[in-house]
């Protein structure tokens, strides 16, 4: 059964739960998840995917681990008999986040969707991104994007950046990972 995923700009959307496994380690697995409420900030066309944004809370550096060289935060956990599945909303790349923030800046009516969903969004804040940098040869550190300046860097030790989850969808009703 296909659903109509071509939502309108500013609309509050509830996605059905979908997961994508990124790593299995013994009885544990690590997966990306799309679920819950998002706000549509761009409609899909045949050539350009639509964008859904979920505003999440602040995350401290110690809450973010590295899995397969990418940031991972335990947003949800499924416990089965002898296995655990840890779930996270995917971190956007810096370019994806810049694109989403520029769409929100350009179209003020999209902000009404965030207010309607009781999602508070500060467009001048810092946000975690999927981009990483090496530290001490092998250890990777998560980076954040300063939306005010456009600079991607490690946050200062006392900073706690926000997190946005993006979901892209195409005109053929598919959620893109």
Protein backbone atom coordinates (compact mmCIF):
# COMPACT_ATOMS: atom_id res chain seq x y z
CA UNK A 1 0.00 0.00 0.00
CA UNK A 2 1.49 3.32 -1.07
CA UNK A 3 0.86 6.45 0.89
CA UNK A 4 0.82 9.99 -0.47
CA UNK A 5 4.11 11.46 0.74
CA UNK A 6 3.87 14.65 -1.34
CA UNK A 7 3.08 16.88 1.58
CA UNK A 8 2.52 20.62 1.38
CA UNK A 9 4.91 23.25 2.67
CA UNK A 10 4.41 24.02 6.38
CA UNK A 11 2.32 20.89 6.97
CA UNK A 12 2.94 18.82 10.13
CA UNK A 13 3.53 15.21 9.08
CA UNK A 14 3.54 11.94 11.05
CA UNK A 15 5.79 9.33 9.45
CA UNK A 16 5.27 5.61 9.98
CA UNK A 17 8.21 3.91 11.69
CA UNK A 18 10.93 2.81 9.24
CA UNK A 19 14.40 1.57 10.10
CA UNK A 20 17.63 0.91 8.20
CA UNK A 21 20.38 -1.16 9.83
CA UNK A 22 23.86 0.33 9.60
CA UNK A 23 25.85 -2.13 11.76
CA UNK A 24 25.41 -5.49 13.45
CA UNK A 25 27.71 -6.41 16.29
CA UNK A 26 27.01 -9.79 17.89
CA UNK A 27 23.54 -9.61 19.39
CA UNK A 28 23.34 -5.83 19.05
CA UNK A 29 22.44 -3.81 15.99
CA UNK A 30 22.59 -0.10 15.20
CA UNK A 31 19.95 1.40 12.92
CA UNK A 32 18.66 4.66 11.53
CA UNK A 33 15.00 5.44 12.17
CA UNK A 34 12.36 7.70 10.64
CA UNK A 35 9.20 8.10 12.70
CA UNK A 36 7.11 10.60 14.59
CA UNK A 37 6.32 14.21 13.65
CA UNK A 38 8.12 16.30 11.05
CA UNK A 39 7.41 19.62 9.34
CA UNK A 40 7.49 19.77 5.54
CA UNK A 41 9.71 22.64 4.39
CA UNK A 42 9.90 21.80 0.66
CA UNK A 43 7.54 19.88 -1.59
CA UNK A 44 8.89 17.13 -3.84
CA UNK A 45 9.15 17.59 -7.60
CA UNK A 46 10.33 15.05 -10.19
CA UNK A 47 13.85 16.56 -10.06
CA UNK A 48 14.16 17.89 -6.49
CA UNK A 49 13.38 15.84 -3.37
CA UNK A 50 11.09 17.24 -0.69
CA UNK A 51 12.44 17.89 2.80
CA UNK A 52 10.90 17.08 6.18
CA UNK A 53 12.49 18.49 9.37
CA UNK A 54 12.22 17.16 12.92
CA UNK A 55 13.48 19.48 15.67
CA UNK A 56 15.15 17.58 18.46
CA UNK A 57 16.53 18.81 21.75
CA UNK A 58 20.10 19.71 22.68
CA UNK A 59 22.66 16.90 22.81
CA UNK A 60 25.90 17.06 24.77
CA UNK A 61 29.11 15.76 23.21
CA UNK A 62 29.19 12.75 25.56
CA UNK A 63 25.72 11.64 24.32
CA UNK A 64 27.05 11.14 20.79
CA UNK A 65 29.06 8.02 19.98
CA UNK A 66 30.70 6.99 16.72
CA UNK A 67 29.33 3.95 14.82
CA UNK A 68 30.86 3.05 11.46
CA UNK A 69 32.69 6.39 11.45
CA UNK A 70 29.49 8.42 11.80
CA UNK A 71 27.81 10.08 14.79
CA UNK A 72 25.21 7.96 16.57
CA UNK A 73 22.96 8.86 19.49
CA UNK A 74 20.75 6.29 21.20
CA UNK A 75 17.37 7.91 20.55
CA UNK A 76 15.44 4.66 20.98
CA UNK A 77 16.10 1.07 21.98
CA UNK A 78 14.32 -2.15 20.99
CA UNK A 79 15.05 -5.05 23.33
CA UNK A 80 14.20 -8.52 22.11
CA UNK A 81 14.92 -11.83 23.85
CA UNK A 82 18.68 -11.96 23.37
CA UNK A 83 19.35 -8.89 21.27
CA UNK A 84 19.32 -5.12 21.42
CA UNK A 85 18.62 -2.75 18.58
CA UNK A 86 19.79 0.82 19.12
CA UNK A 87 18.06 3.44 16.98
CA UNK A 88 18.99 6.99 16.01
CA UNK A 89 17.52 9.61 13.76
CA UNK A 90 20.08 10.17 10.98
CA UNK A 91 22.38 13.16 11.35
CA UNK A 92 22.29 15.45 8.29
CA UNK A 93 25.46 16.42 6.46
CA UNK A 94 26.55 20.05 6.73
CA UNK A 95 25.44 20.71 3.14
CA UNK A 96 22.00 19.15 3.71
CA UNK A 97 21.56 21.21 6.88
CA UNK A 98 22.65 24.43 5.16
CA UNK A 99 20.13 23.73 2.38
CA UNK A 100 17.31 23.10 4.87
CA UNK A 101 18.12 26.22 6.91
CA UNK A 102 18.28 28.36 3.75
CA UNK A 103 14.82 27.09 2.70
CA UNK A 104 13.46 27.96 6.15
CA UNK A 105 15.11 31.43 6.03
CA UNK A 106 13.70 32.13 2.56
CA UNK A 107 10.12 31.13 3.35
CA UNK A 108 8.73 32.52 6.63
CA UNK A 109 5.40 30.65 6.25
CA UNK A 110 7.31 27.41 6.95
CA UNK A 111 8.01 28.68 10.49
CA UNK A 112 4.24 28.58 11.14
CA UNK A 113 4.40 24.79 10.75
CA UNK A 114 7.04 24.61 13.49
CA UNK A 115 4.93 26.80 15.78
CA UNK A 116 1.86 24.65 15.03
CA UNK A 117 3.81 21.49 15.99
CA UNK A 118 5.26 23.18 19.12
CA UNK A 119 8.78 22.72 17.75
CA UNK A 120 11.04 25.61 18.69
CA UNK A 121 13.69 26.38 16.09
CA UNK A 122 16.49 28.93 16.46
CA UNK A 123 17.94 29.61 13.02
CA UNK A 124 21.13 31.17 14.48
CA UNK A 125 22.10 28.26 16.73
CA UNK A 126 24.62 25.41 16.42
CA UNK A 127 23.54 21.98 15.14
CA UNK A 128 25.20 18.56 15.10
CA UNK A 129 26.06 17.26 11.62
CA UNK A 130 27.21 13.92 10.21
CA UNK A 131 30.59 15.37 9.23
CA UNK A 132 33.52 14.26 11.39
CA UNK A 133 37.21 14.98 11.79
CA UNK A 134 40.08 12.82 12.94
CA UNK A 135 41.56 13.31 16.35
CA UNK A 136 44.70 11.46 17.48
CA UNK A 137 45.08 9.54 14.18
CA UNK A 138 42.15 7.13 14.50
CA UNK A 139 39.54 8.63 16.81
CA UNK A 140 36.77 10.49 14.99
CA UNK A 141 34.94 13.42 16.58
CA UNK A 142 31.50 14.69 15.62
CA UNK A 143 31.26 18.27 14.34
CA UNK A 144 28.56 20.90 14.48
CA UNK A 145 27.46 23.64 12.11
CA UNK A 146 27.19 27.19 13.40
CA UNK A 147 24.12 28.40 11.49
CA UNK A 148 24.99 32.06 12.12
CA UNK A 149 28.43 31.88 10.48
CA UNK A 150 28.22 28.71 8.35
CA UNK A 151 31.37 27.27 9.94
CA UNK A 152 31.65 23.53 10.66
CA UNK A 153 33.83 22.79 13.70
CA UNK A 154 33.94 20.96 17.01
CA UNK A 155 31.83 22.61 19.68
CA UNK A 156 33.55 24.16 22.66
CA UNK A 157 33.56 21.96 25.78
CA UNK A 158 30.75 23.92 27.47
CA UNK A 159 28.50 24.14 24.37
CA UNK A 160 25.51 21.86 23.86
CA UNK A 161 24.35 22.09 20.20
CA UNK A 162 20.85 21.32 18.96
CA UNK A 163 19.98 18.50 16.65
CA UNK A 164 17.76 18.43 13.58
CA UNK A 165 16.70 15.27 11.78
CA UNK A 166 15.98 15.57 8.06
CA UNK A 167 13.97 13.16 5.94
CA UNK A 168 13.99 13.49 2.16
CA UNK A 169 11.17 12.19 -0.04
CA UNK A 170 10.80 11.99 -3.80
CA UNK A 171 7.87 12.51 -6.15
CA UNK A 172 7.37 8.71 -6.39
CA UNK A 173 6.35 8.50 -2.71
CA UNK A 174 9.64 7.06 -1.39
CA UNK A 175 11.43 8.18 1.75
CA UNK A 176 15.11 8.56 0.80
CA UNK A 177 17.79 7.44 3.25
